N, C-alpha and C. Protein backbone atom coordinates (compact mmCIF):
# COMPACT_ATOMS: atom_id res chain seq x y z
N MET A 1 58.71 -132.75 -138.36
CA MET A 1 57.33 -132.50 -137.99
C MET A 1 56.76 -131.45 -138.93
N THR A 2 55.55 -131.61 -139.34
CA THR A 2 54.88 -130.65 -140.21
C THR A 2 53.61 -130.18 -139.54
N MET A 3 53.20 -128.96 -139.94
CA MET A 3 51.98 -128.39 -139.37
C MET A 3 50.78 -128.86 -140.18
N ALA A 4 49.60 -128.72 -139.60
CA ALA A 4 48.37 -129.09 -140.29
C ALA A 4 48.16 -128.18 -141.49
N THR A 5 47.38 -128.63 -142.46
CA THR A 5 47.09 -127.83 -143.64
C THR A 5 46.41 -126.54 -143.24
N GLY A 6 46.83 -125.44 -143.87
CA GLY A 6 46.23 -124.15 -143.55
C GLY A 6 47.03 -123.38 -142.52
N SER A 7 48.15 -123.92 -142.05
CA SER A 7 48.97 -123.21 -141.08
C SER A 7 49.63 -122.01 -141.74
N PRO A 8 49.75 -120.88 -141.03
CA PRO A 8 50.40 -119.70 -141.62
C PRO A 8 51.90 -119.87 -141.71
N PHE A 9 52.47 -120.94 -141.15
CA PHE A 9 53.91 -121.15 -141.16
C PHE A 9 54.28 -122.10 -142.30
N ALA A 10 55.43 -121.86 -142.87
CA ALA A 10 55.96 -122.83 -143.81
C ALA A 10 56.51 -124.00 -143.02
N ALA A 11 56.45 -125.19 -143.58
CA ALA A 11 56.95 -126.37 -142.88
C ALA A 11 58.45 -126.22 -142.67
N PRO A 12 58.99 -126.60 -141.50
CA PRO A 12 60.41 -126.48 -141.25
C PRO A 12 61.17 -127.50 -142.08
N PRO A 13 62.46 -127.25 -142.31
CA PRO A 13 63.26 -128.22 -143.04
C PRO A 13 63.23 -129.57 -142.35
N ALA A 14 63.34 -130.63 -143.15
CA ALA A 14 63.19 -131.98 -142.60
C ALA A 14 64.26 -132.31 -141.58
N ASP A 15 65.46 -131.67 -141.69
CA ASP A 15 66.53 -132.03 -140.78
C ASP A 15 66.45 -131.29 -139.45
N GLU A 16 65.64 -130.25 -139.33
CA GLU A 16 65.54 -129.55 -138.06
C GLU A 16 64.79 -130.40 -137.06
N GLY A 17 65.35 -130.57 -135.91
CA GLY A 17 64.75 -131.39 -134.88
C GLY A 17 65.05 -132.86 -135.09
N ALA A 18 65.66 -133.19 -136.21
CA ALA A 18 65.98 -134.58 -136.46
C ALA A 18 67.13 -135.01 -135.55
N GLY A 19 67.12 -136.24 -135.18
CA GLY A 19 68.18 -136.75 -134.31
C GLY A 19 67.89 -136.55 -132.85
N LEU A 20 66.79 -135.90 -132.53
CA LEU A 20 66.41 -135.72 -131.13
C LEU A 20 65.44 -136.82 -130.76
N ASP A 21 65.95 -137.88 -130.17
CA ASP A 21 65.07 -138.98 -129.77
C ASP A 21 64.09 -138.51 -128.70
N SER A 22 64.58 -137.68 -127.81
CA SER A 22 63.72 -137.09 -126.78
C SER A 22 64.35 -135.78 -126.35
N TYR A 23 63.51 -134.91 -125.82
CA TYR A 23 64.01 -133.60 -125.40
C TYR A 23 63.19 -133.12 -124.21
N LEU A 24 63.87 -132.56 -123.24
CA LEU A 24 63.22 -131.89 -122.12
C LEU A 24 64.10 -130.71 -121.74
N GLY A 25 63.61 -129.52 -122.03
CA GLY A 25 64.42 -128.35 -121.75
C GLY A 25 63.73 -127.07 -122.16
N ALA A 26 64.50 -125.99 -122.08
CA ALA A 26 63.97 -124.66 -122.38
C ALA A 26 63.94 -124.40 -123.87
N ALA A 27 63.04 -123.52 -124.27
CA ALA A 27 62.95 -123.09 -125.66
C ALA A 27 62.41 -121.67 -125.68
N ARG A 28 62.72 -120.95 -126.75
CA ARG A 28 62.25 -119.57 -126.90
C ARG A 28 61.21 -119.52 -128.00
N VAL A 29 60.09 -118.85 -127.74
CA VAL A 29 59.00 -118.76 -128.71
C VAL A 29 59.40 -117.81 -129.83
N VAL A 30 59.30 -118.30 -131.06
CA VAL A 30 59.65 -117.50 -132.24
C VAL A 30 58.40 -117.01 -132.96
N ARG A 31 57.38 -117.88 -133.06
CA ARG A 31 56.11 -117.51 -133.68
C ARG A 31 54.98 -118.18 -132.92
N VAL A 32 53.78 -117.58 -133.03
CA VAL A 32 52.61 -118.10 -132.34
C VAL A 32 51.47 -118.24 -133.34
N ALA A 33 50.77 -119.37 -133.30
CA ALA A 33 49.58 -119.57 -134.13
C ALA A 33 48.62 -120.48 -133.38
N HIS A 34 47.67 -119.85 -132.68
CA HIS A 34 46.64 -120.57 -131.94
C HIS A 34 47.27 -121.55 -130.95
N ARG A 35 47.07 -122.84 -131.13
CA ARG A 35 47.58 -123.83 -130.18
C ARG A 35 48.96 -124.36 -130.55
N SER A 36 49.56 -123.85 -131.63
CA SER A 36 50.87 -124.32 -132.07
C SER A 36 51.88 -123.18 -131.99
N LEU A 37 53.11 -123.52 -131.64
CA LEU A 37 54.18 -122.54 -131.52
C LEU A 37 55.37 -122.97 -132.35
N HIS A 38 56.11 -122.00 -132.86
CA HIS A 38 57.39 -122.25 -133.50
C HIS A 38 58.42 -121.82 -132.46
N VAL A 39 59.21 -122.77 -131.96
CA VAL A 39 60.14 -122.48 -130.86
C VAL A 39 61.56 -122.84 -131.26
N ALA A 40 62.49 -122.13 -130.63
CA ALA A 40 63.92 -122.40 -130.81
C ALA A 40 64.41 -123.13 -129.58
N LEU A 41 64.86 -124.36 -129.74
CA LEU A 41 65.33 -125.16 -128.62
C LEU A 41 66.66 -124.61 -128.12
N GLU A 42 66.81 -124.55 -126.82
CA GLU A 42 68.05 -124.06 -126.21
C GLU A 42 68.88 -125.26 -125.78
N GLU A 43 69.78 -125.66 -126.66
CA GLU A 43 70.62 -126.82 -126.37
C GLU A 43 72.04 -126.34 -126.09
N PRO A 44 72.51 -126.43 -124.86
CA PRO A 44 73.84 -125.92 -124.53
C PRO A 44 74.96 -126.69 -125.22
N THR A 45 74.71 -127.92 -125.62
CA THR A 45 75.78 -128.73 -126.22
C THR A 45 75.85 -128.55 -127.73
N VAL A 46 74.86 -127.88 -128.32
CA VAL A 46 74.82 -127.70 -129.77
C VAL A 46 74.98 -126.22 -130.07
N GLY A 47 75.86 -125.90 -131.02
CA GLY A 47 76.10 -124.49 -131.33
C GLY A 47 74.96 -123.86 -132.09
N ASP A 48 74.34 -124.59 -133.02
CA ASP A 48 73.26 -124.05 -133.83
C ASP A 48 71.93 -124.14 -133.10
N THR A 49 71.02 -123.22 -133.45
CA THR A 49 69.68 -123.24 -132.87
C THR A 49 68.79 -124.18 -133.66
N THR A 50 68.04 -124.99 -132.97
CA THR A 50 67.12 -125.93 -133.61
C THR A 50 65.70 -125.37 -133.51
N LEU A 51 65.06 -125.18 -134.66
CA LEU A 51 63.69 -124.66 -134.69
C LEU A 51 62.72 -125.81 -134.91
N VAL A 52 61.71 -125.89 -134.07
CA VAL A 52 60.70 -126.95 -134.18
C VAL A 52 59.32 -126.37 -133.93
N TYR A 53 58.30 -127.12 -134.33
CA TYR A 53 56.93 -126.77 -134.02
C TYR A 53 56.51 -127.54 -132.78
N ALA A 54 55.84 -126.85 -131.86
CA ALA A 54 55.41 -127.49 -130.61
C ALA A 54 53.95 -127.17 -130.35
N THR A 55 53.24 -128.15 -129.83
CA THR A 55 51.83 -127.97 -129.48
C THR A 55 51.72 -127.48 -128.05
N LEU A 56 50.88 -126.48 -127.84
CA LEU A 56 50.67 -125.93 -126.50
C LEU A 56 49.88 -126.93 -125.67
N ALA A 57 50.46 -127.41 -124.58
CA ALA A 57 49.82 -128.43 -123.73
C ALA A 57 49.96 -128.05 -122.27
N LEU A 58 49.55 -126.83 -121.95
CA LEU A 58 49.64 -126.34 -120.57
C LEU A 58 48.39 -126.73 -119.79
N ALA A 59 48.55 -126.88 -118.49
CA ALA A 59 47.41 -127.23 -117.63
C ALA A 59 46.67 -125.99 -117.15
N PHE A 60 47.09 -124.81 -117.61
CA PHE A 60 46.44 -123.57 -117.21
C PHE A 60 46.31 -122.68 -118.44
N PRO A 61 45.35 -121.76 -118.45
CA PRO A 61 45.16 -120.91 -119.63
C PRO A 61 46.27 -119.87 -119.75
N TYR A 62 46.97 -119.88 -120.86
CA TYR A 62 48.05 -118.91 -121.09
C TYR A 62 48.17 -118.65 -122.57
N GLU A 63 48.35 -117.38 -122.93
CA GLU A 63 48.52 -116.99 -124.31
C GLU A 63 49.96 -116.51 -124.50
N PRO A 64 50.83 -117.37 -125.02
CA PRO A 64 52.25 -117.00 -125.15
C PRO A 64 52.45 -115.93 -126.22
N ILE A 65 53.56 -115.22 -126.11
CA ILE A 65 53.95 -114.24 -127.11
C ILE A 65 55.39 -114.51 -127.51
N VAL A 66 55.80 -113.89 -128.61
CA VAL A 66 57.17 -114.07 -129.10
C VAL A 66 58.16 -113.58 -128.04
N GLY A 67 59.16 -114.40 -127.76
CA GLY A 67 60.17 -114.05 -126.78
C GLY A 67 60.01 -114.79 -125.47
N ASP A 68 58.85 -115.40 -125.22
CA ASP A 68 58.65 -116.17 -123.99
C ASP A 68 59.61 -117.36 -123.95
N GLN A 69 60.05 -117.68 -122.74
CA GLN A 69 60.87 -118.87 -122.54
C GLN A 69 59.96 -119.95 -121.96
N VAL A 70 59.86 -121.07 -122.66
CA VAL A 70 58.93 -122.13 -122.28
C VAL A 70 59.68 -123.43 -122.05
N LEU A 71 59.01 -124.36 -121.39
CA LEU A 71 59.55 -125.70 -121.16
C LEU A 71 58.95 -126.65 -122.18
N VAL A 72 59.81 -127.33 -122.93
CA VAL A 72 59.37 -128.20 -124.01
C VAL A 72 59.79 -129.63 -123.73
N VAL A 73 58.88 -130.57 -124.03
CA VAL A 73 59.18 -131.99 -123.91
C VAL A 73 58.83 -132.65 -125.24
N SER A 74 59.54 -133.70 -125.58
CA SER A 74 59.24 -134.37 -126.85
C SER A 74 59.63 -135.83 -126.78
N ASP A 75 59.03 -136.60 -127.70
CA ASP A 75 59.50 -137.95 -127.99
C ASP A 75 60.17 -137.85 -129.36
N ALA A 76 60.24 -138.89 -130.08
CA ALA A 76 60.90 -138.84 -131.38
C ALA A 76 60.04 -138.19 -132.46
N HIS A 77 58.75 -137.91 -132.16
CA HIS A 77 57.85 -137.43 -133.20
C HIS A 77 57.23 -136.06 -132.92
N GLU A 78 56.83 -135.80 -131.69
CA GLU A 78 56.08 -134.59 -131.38
C GLU A 78 56.76 -133.78 -130.28
N PHE A 79 56.56 -132.44 -130.35
CA PHE A 79 57.05 -131.53 -129.31
C PHE A 79 55.85 -130.88 -128.64
N TYR A 80 55.93 -130.72 -127.31
CA TYR A 80 54.84 -130.12 -126.55
C TYR A 80 55.39 -129.08 -125.58
N VAL A 81 54.69 -127.97 -125.46
CA VAL A 81 55.02 -126.96 -124.45
C VAL A 81 54.24 -127.30 -123.19
N ILE A 82 54.96 -127.61 -122.10
CA ILE A 82 54.30 -128.04 -120.86
C ILE A 82 54.51 -127.07 -119.71
N GLY A 83 55.21 -125.97 -119.95
CA GLY A 83 55.43 -125.02 -118.87
C GLY A 83 55.92 -123.69 -119.40
N VAL A 84 55.81 -122.66 -118.57
CA VAL A 84 56.30 -121.32 -118.90
C VAL A 84 57.38 -120.97 -117.89
N LEU A 85 58.60 -120.78 -118.36
CA LEU A 85 59.72 -120.45 -117.48
C LEU A 85 59.81 -118.94 -117.25
N CYS A 86 59.66 -118.19 -118.30
CA CYS A 86 59.69 -116.73 -118.19
C CYS A 86 58.79 -116.17 -119.30
N GLY A 87 57.65 -115.65 -118.91
CA GLY A 87 56.68 -115.22 -119.92
C GLY A 87 56.17 -113.82 -119.69
N ARG A 88 55.74 -113.19 -120.79
CA ARG A 88 55.13 -111.87 -120.73
C ARG A 88 53.73 -111.89 -121.34
N GLY A 89 53.24 -113.10 -121.63
CA GLY A 89 51.90 -113.23 -122.20
C GLY A 89 50.82 -113.06 -121.14
N SER A 90 49.62 -113.39 -121.50
CA SER A 90 48.49 -113.20 -120.59
C SER A 90 47.75 -114.52 -120.39
N SER A 91 47.05 -114.59 -119.26
CA SER A 91 46.21 -115.75 -118.96
C SER A 91 44.76 -115.30 -119.01
N ALA A 92 43.92 -116.11 -119.60
CA ALA A 92 42.50 -115.78 -119.71
C ALA A 92 41.69 -117.00 -119.32
N LEU A 93 40.88 -116.84 -118.28
CA LEU A 93 39.97 -117.90 -117.86
C LEU A 93 38.63 -117.66 -118.54
N SER A 94 38.24 -118.55 -119.42
CA SER A 94 37.04 -118.34 -120.22
C SER A 94 36.14 -119.57 -120.15
N SER A 95 34.83 -119.32 -120.10
CA SER A 95 33.87 -120.42 -120.07
C SER A 95 32.61 -119.97 -120.78
N PRO A 96 31.98 -120.85 -121.57
CA PRO A 96 30.73 -120.47 -122.23
C PRO A 96 29.58 -120.31 -121.24
N LEU A 97 29.74 -120.88 -120.05
CA LEU A 97 28.70 -120.78 -119.02
C LEU A 97 29.20 -119.91 -117.87
N GLY A 98 28.92 -120.27 -116.63
CA GLY A 98 29.33 -119.47 -115.49
C GLY A 98 30.68 -119.90 -114.94
N VAL A 99 31.35 -118.99 -114.26
CA VAL A 99 32.62 -119.26 -113.59
C VAL A 99 32.49 -118.83 -112.14
N SER A 100 32.92 -119.66 -111.22
CA SER A 100 32.83 -119.35 -109.79
C SER A 100 34.20 -119.48 -109.15
N LEU A 101 34.64 -118.44 -108.44
CA LEU A 101 35.86 -118.47 -107.65
C LEU A 101 35.45 -118.46 -106.19
N ARG A 102 35.88 -119.45 -105.43
CA ARG A 102 35.41 -119.57 -104.06
C ARG A 102 36.56 -119.93 -103.13
N ALA A 103 36.63 -119.23 -102.00
CA ALA A 103 37.57 -119.58 -100.94
C ALA A 103 36.73 -120.08 -99.78
N GLU A 104 36.67 -121.39 -99.60
CA GLU A 104 35.76 -122.00 -98.61
C GLU A 104 36.07 -121.56 -97.19
N SER A 105 37.33 -121.55 -96.80
CA SER A 105 37.67 -121.18 -95.43
C SER A 105 38.72 -120.10 -95.32
N GLY A 106 38.81 -119.27 -96.33
CA GLY A 106 39.82 -118.21 -96.28
C GLY A 106 39.38 -117.01 -97.08
N ARG A 107 40.34 -116.15 -97.39
CA ARG A 107 40.07 -114.94 -98.15
C ARG A 107 40.36 -115.15 -99.63
N LEU A 108 39.62 -114.44 -100.45
CA LEU A 108 39.88 -114.42 -101.88
C LEU A 108 40.46 -113.06 -102.21
N GLN A 109 41.68 -113.03 -102.72
CA GLN A 109 42.35 -111.78 -103.05
C GLN A 109 42.58 -111.69 -104.55
N LEU A 110 42.21 -110.57 -105.12
CA LEU A 110 42.51 -110.26 -106.51
C LEU A 110 43.49 -109.09 -106.50
N VAL A 111 44.68 -109.30 -107.00
CA VAL A 111 45.73 -108.29 -106.96
C VAL A 111 46.22 -108.03 -108.38
N GLY A 112 46.25 -106.78 -108.77
CA GLY A 112 46.82 -106.39 -110.05
C GLY A 112 47.80 -105.27 -109.82
N GLU A 113 49.07 -105.49 -110.15
CA GLU A 113 50.09 -104.48 -109.91
C GLU A 113 49.81 -103.21 -110.70
N ARG A 114 49.12 -103.35 -111.83
CA ARG A 114 48.80 -102.18 -112.64
C ARG A 114 47.32 -101.85 -112.61
N GLY A 115 46.58 -102.49 -111.71
CA GLY A 115 45.17 -102.17 -111.57
C GLY A 115 44.29 -103.40 -111.72
N VAL A 116 43.06 -103.27 -111.28
CA VAL A 116 42.04 -104.32 -111.40
C VAL A 116 40.81 -103.69 -112.04
N ARG A 117 40.28 -104.36 -113.04
CA ARG A 117 39.12 -103.82 -113.75
C ARG A 117 38.00 -104.85 -113.76
N LEU A 118 36.80 -104.43 -113.35
CA LEU A 118 35.60 -105.27 -113.43
C LEU A 118 34.69 -104.67 -114.49
N ARG A 119 34.21 -105.52 -115.39
CA ARG A 119 33.34 -105.02 -116.45
C ARG A 119 32.20 -106.01 -116.67
N GLY A 120 30.99 -105.50 -116.72
CA GLY A 120 29.83 -106.35 -116.94
C GLY A 120 28.59 -105.50 -117.16
N THR A 121 27.57 -106.11 -117.75
CA THR A 121 26.32 -105.37 -117.93
C THR A 121 25.67 -105.06 -116.59
N ARG A 122 25.88 -105.96 -115.61
CA ARG A 122 25.42 -105.72 -114.24
C ARG A 122 26.46 -106.25 -113.27
N ILE A 123 26.81 -105.45 -112.27
CA ILE A 123 27.75 -105.86 -111.23
C ILE A 123 27.07 -105.66 -109.88
N ARG A 124 27.06 -106.69 -109.05
CA ARG A 124 26.40 -106.62 -107.75
C ARG A 124 27.38 -107.04 -106.66
N LEU A 125 27.50 -106.22 -105.63
CA LEU A 125 28.34 -106.53 -104.48
C LEU A 125 27.43 -106.79 -103.28
N GLU A 126 27.64 -107.90 -102.59
CA GLU A 126 26.88 -108.22 -101.39
C GLU A 126 27.86 -108.51 -100.26
N ALA A 127 27.64 -107.87 -99.12
CA ALA A 127 28.55 -108.07 -97.98
C ALA A 127 27.85 -107.67 -96.70
N GLN A 128 28.26 -108.27 -95.58
CA GLN A 128 27.79 -107.84 -94.27
C GLN A 128 28.40 -106.48 -93.92
N ARG A 129 29.65 -106.30 -94.29
CA ARG A 129 30.33 -105.02 -94.10
C ARG A 129 31.11 -104.69 -95.37
N LEU A 130 31.06 -103.42 -95.78
CA LEU A 130 31.76 -102.97 -96.97
C LEU A 130 32.63 -101.77 -96.60
N ARG A 131 33.91 -101.88 -96.89
CA ARG A 131 34.83 -100.78 -96.59
C ARG A 131 35.64 -100.46 -97.83
N ARG A 132 35.69 -99.19 -98.19
CA ARG A 132 36.44 -98.77 -99.37
C ARG A 132 37.52 -97.79 -98.94
N LEU A 133 38.74 -98.01 -99.39
CA LEU A 133 39.87 -97.15 -99.06
C LEU A 133 40.54 -96.70 -100.35
N ALA A 134 40.80 -95.42 -100.48
CA ALA A 134 41.48 -94.91 -101.66
C ALA A 134 42.09 -93.56 -101.34
N VAL A 135 43.20 -93.25 -101.98
CA VAL A 135 43.79 -91.91 -101.84
C VAL A 135 42.92 -90.91 -102.59
N THR A 136 42.49 -91.26 -103.77
CA THR A 136 41.60 -90.42 -104.58
C THR A 136 40.52 -91.30 -105.19
N ALA A 137 39.29 -90.82 -105.15
CA ALA A 137 38.17 -91.57 -105.73
C ALA A 137 37.39 -90.66 -106.67
N VAL A 138 37.12 -91.12 -107.87
CA VAL A 138 36.33 -90.38 -108.85
C VAL A 138 35.21 -91.29 -109.32
N GLU A 139 33.97 -90.82 -109.25
CA GLU A 139 32.82 -91.59 -109.69
C GLU A 139 32.08 -90.81 -110.77
N THR A 140 31.69 -91.49 -111.83
CA THR A 140 30.94 -90.86 -112.92
C THR A 140 29.71 -91.71 -113.20
N PHE A 141 28.53 -91.10 -113.10
CA PHE A 141 27.27 -91.80 -113.32
C PHE A 141 26.40 -91.00 -114.26
N GLY A 142 25.58 -91.69 -115.03
CA GLY A 142 24.53 -91.02 -115.78
C GLY A 142 23.39 -90.65 -114.84
N GLU A 143 23.07 -91.56 -113.93
CA GLU A 143 22.05 -91.32 -112.90
C GLU A 143 22.41 -92.20 -111.71
N ARG A 144 22.23 -91.66 -110.50
CA ARG A 144 22.57 -92.42 -109.30
C ARG A 144 21.48 -92.26 -108.25
N VAL A 145 21.07 -93.39 -107.69
CA VAL A 145 20.10 -93.40 -106.59
C VAL A 145 20.73 -94.13 -105.42
N THR A 146 20.74 -93.48 -104.25
CA THR A 146 21.30 -94.09 -103.04
C THR A 146 20.19 -94.22 -102.00
N ARG A 147 19.99 -95.44 -101.50
CA ARG A 147 18.98 -95.67 -100.47
C ARG A 147 19.66 -96.16 -99.20
N VAL A 148 19.44 -95.45 -98.10
CA VAL A 148 19.99 -95.83 -96.79
C VAL A 148 18.80 -96.04 -95.86
N ARG A 149 18.68 -97.25 -95.30
CA ARG A 149 17.50 -97.57 -94.48
C ARG A 149 17.51 -96.83 -93.15
N GLU A 150 18.65 -96.68 -92.52
CA GLU A 150 18.69 -96.07 -91.19
C GLU A 150 19.34 -94.69 -91.25
N SER A 151 20.62 -94.58 -91.08
CA SER A 151 21.25 -93.26 -91.04
C SER A 151 22.49 -93.23 -91.93
N ARG A 152 22.83 -92.03 -92.36
CA ARG A 152 24.02 -91.82 -93.17
C ARG A 152 24.84 -90.69 -92.57
N ASN A 153 26.10 -90.97 -92.28
CA ASN A 153 26.99 -89.97 -91.68
C ASN A 153 28.14 -89.70 -92.64
N VAL A 154 28.44 -88.41 -92.82
CA VAL A 154 29.54 -88.01 -93.69
C VAL A 154 30.48 -87.14 -92.86
N GLU A 155 31.74 -87.54 -92.80
CA GLU A 155 32.77 -86.75 -92.14
C GLU A 155 33.78 -86.32 -93.18
N ALA A 156 34.03 -85.01 -93.29
CA ALA A 156 34.93 -84.51 -94.31
C ALA A 156 35.66 -83.28 -93.81
N GLY A 157 36.88 -83.07 -94.30
CA GLY A 157 37.61 -81.85 -93.99
C GLY A 157 36.92 -80.65 -94.60
N GLY A 158 36.34 -80.81 -95.76
CA GLY A 158 35.56 -79.78 -96.43
C GLY A 158 34.53 -80.47 -97.31
N LEU A 159 33.45 -79.78 -97.60
CA LEU A 159 32.39 -80.39 -98.40
C LEU A 159 31.88 -79.37 -99.41
N ASP A 160 32.06 -79.68 -100.69
CA ASP A 160 31.58 -78.81 -101.77
C ASP A 160 30.59 -79.59 -102.62
N GLU A 161 29.45 -78.98 -102.88
CA GLU A 161 28.46 -79.59 -103.75
C GLU A 161 28.09 -78.59 -104.84
N LEU A 162 28.12 -79.03 -106.07
CA LEU A 162 27.81 -78.17 -107.20
C LEU A 162 26.74 -78.84 -108.05
N SER A 163 25.62 -78.13 -108.22
CA SER A 163 24.54 -78.64 -109.05
C SER A 163 24.34 -77.70 -110.23
N GLN A 164 24.35 -78.25 -111.44
CA GLN A 164 24.11 -77.43 -112.62
C GLN A 164 22.64 -77.04 -112.75
N GLY A 165 21.78 -77.80 -112.12
CA GLY A 165 20.36 -77.49 -112.13
C GLY A 165 19.88 -77.16 -110.73
N ARG A 166 18.74 -77.69 -110.37
CA ARG A 166 18.19 -77.40 -109.05
C ARG A 166 18.77 -78.35 -108.00
N TRP A 167 18.72 -77.91 -106.77
CA TRP A 167 19.18 -78.70 -105.62
C TRP A 167 18.05 -78.69 -104.60
N ILE A 168 17.52 -79.86 -104.29
CA ILE A 168 16.37 -79.96 -103.40
C ILE A 168 16.76 -80.73 -102.16
N LEU A 169 16.48 -80.16 -100.99
CA LEU A 169 16.66 -80.84 -99.71
C LEU A 169 15.29 -80.92 -99.04
N GLN A 170 14.84 -82.14 -98.82
CA GLN A 170 13.51 -82.33 -98.24
C GLN A 170 13.63 -83.25 -97.04
N ALA A 171 13.11 -82.79 -95.89
CA ALA A 171 13.18 -83.58 -94.66
C ALA A 171 12.10 -83.10 -93.70
N ARG A 172 11.77 -83.93 -92.70
CA ARG A 172 10.82 -83.51 -91.66
C ARG A 172 11.43 -82.40 -90.80
N THR A 173 12.71 -82.52 -90.51
CA THR A 173 13.39 -81.50 -89.71
C THR A 173 14.77 -81.26 -90.32
N VAL A 174 15.15 -79.99 -90.41
CA VAL A 174 16.47 -79.62 -90.92
C VAL A 174 17.16 -78.78 -89.85
N VAL A 175 18.37 -79.17 -89.48
CA VAL A 175 19.15 -78.44 -88.49
C VAL A 175 20.48 -78.05 -89.12
N LEU A 176 20.77 -76.75 -89.16
CA LEU A 176 22.06 -76.26 -89.64
C LEU A 176 22.81 -75.67 -88.47
N LYS A 177 24.03 -76.12 -88.24
CA LYS A 177 24.85 -75.59 -87.16
C LYS A 177 26.16 -75.07 -87.73
N ALA A 178 26.57 -73.92 -87.29
CA ALA A 178 27.84 -73.35 -87.74
C ALA A 178 28.47 -72.59 -86.59
N LEU A 179 29.79 -72.70 -86.46
CA LEU A 179 30.50 -71.99 -85.39
C LEU A 179 30.69 -70.52 -85.72
N ASN A 180 30.86 -70.19 -86.99
CA ASN A 180 31.19 -68.82 -87.37
C ASN A 180 30.13 -68.17 -88.26
N GLY A 181 28.92 -68.67 -88.24
CA GLY A 181 27.85 -68.04 -88.99
C GLY A 181 27.47 -68.80 -90.24
N VAL A 182 26.32 -68.47 -90.77
CA VAL A 182 25.79 -69.07 -91.99
C VAL A 182 25.58 -67.96 -93.01
N ARG A 183 26.04 -68.19 -94.22
CA ARG A 183 25.92 -67.18 -95.27
C ARG A 183 25.15 -67.77 -96.44
N ILE A 184 24.12 -67.07 -96.88
CA ILE A 184 23.33 -67.48 -98.04
C ILE A 184 23.46 -66.37 -99.08
N LYS A 185 24.00 -66.73 -100.24
CA LYS A 185 24.19 -65.75 -101.29
C LYS A 185 23.31 -66.12 -102.47
N SER A 186 22.36 -65.25 -102.79
CA SER A 186 21.44 -65.54 -103.87
C SER A 186 20.79 -64.26 -104.34
N ALA A 187 20.33 -64.25 -105.59
CA ALA A 187 19.61 -63.08 -106.10
C ALA A 187 18.27 -62.92 -105.38
N ALA A 188 17.67 -64.04 -104.95
CA ALA A 188 16.40 -63.97 -104.25
C ALA A 188 16.30 -65.15 -103.31
N VAL A 189 15.75 -64.94 -102.13
CA VAL A 189 15.54 -65.99 -101.14
C VAL A 189 14.07 -65.97 -100.75
N ARG A 190 13.40 -67.11 -100.86
CA ARG A 190 12.00 -67.21 -100.50
C ARG A 190 11.89 -68.14 -99.30
N VAL A 191 11.19 -67.69 -98.30
CA VAL A 191 10.97 -68.50 -97.09
C VAL A 191 9.47 -68.69 -96.94
N GLY A 192 9.06 -69.96 -96.75
CA GLY A 192 7.64 -70.21 -96.55
C GLY A 192 6.91 -70.54 -97.83
């Protein structure tokens, strides 16, 4: 088997892969070039390693890397990668238009053992109820506006607010309650 013109790989020797009328088994990825792979067939009955070129023919998006163990099938002429037995590559779902993930009658879970990242020019969350749980949360904004139509309640073990500029509290009625007193420390206090 030879690669198409312009391949970064040199063509394998003519005798490699020869004599294999058909093959179905494991192979190890040696080199990667777009949709074609250079793989080493794992043949338990043959002492030498057979290197062949195989076309990536998976039913799911996967980007193999060197060292992956893949499932290869062939006839007398072509080799195809049809499965991943043990891989460390990545999967990327890509579309020139829109992509929709939908769970019609169940939950949709996105799980990342090392984290989940959402990135976009605009991200919008819509829900009847929204609950966020975290051990530690850090938020960084250039500017933030929060609008609450009815009421907002904050319960905290302690509450610290630091403003590098001015801090304005405006309301029809302000009620401050403290069990052990209220302390205002300032160079000047103006009332009225």
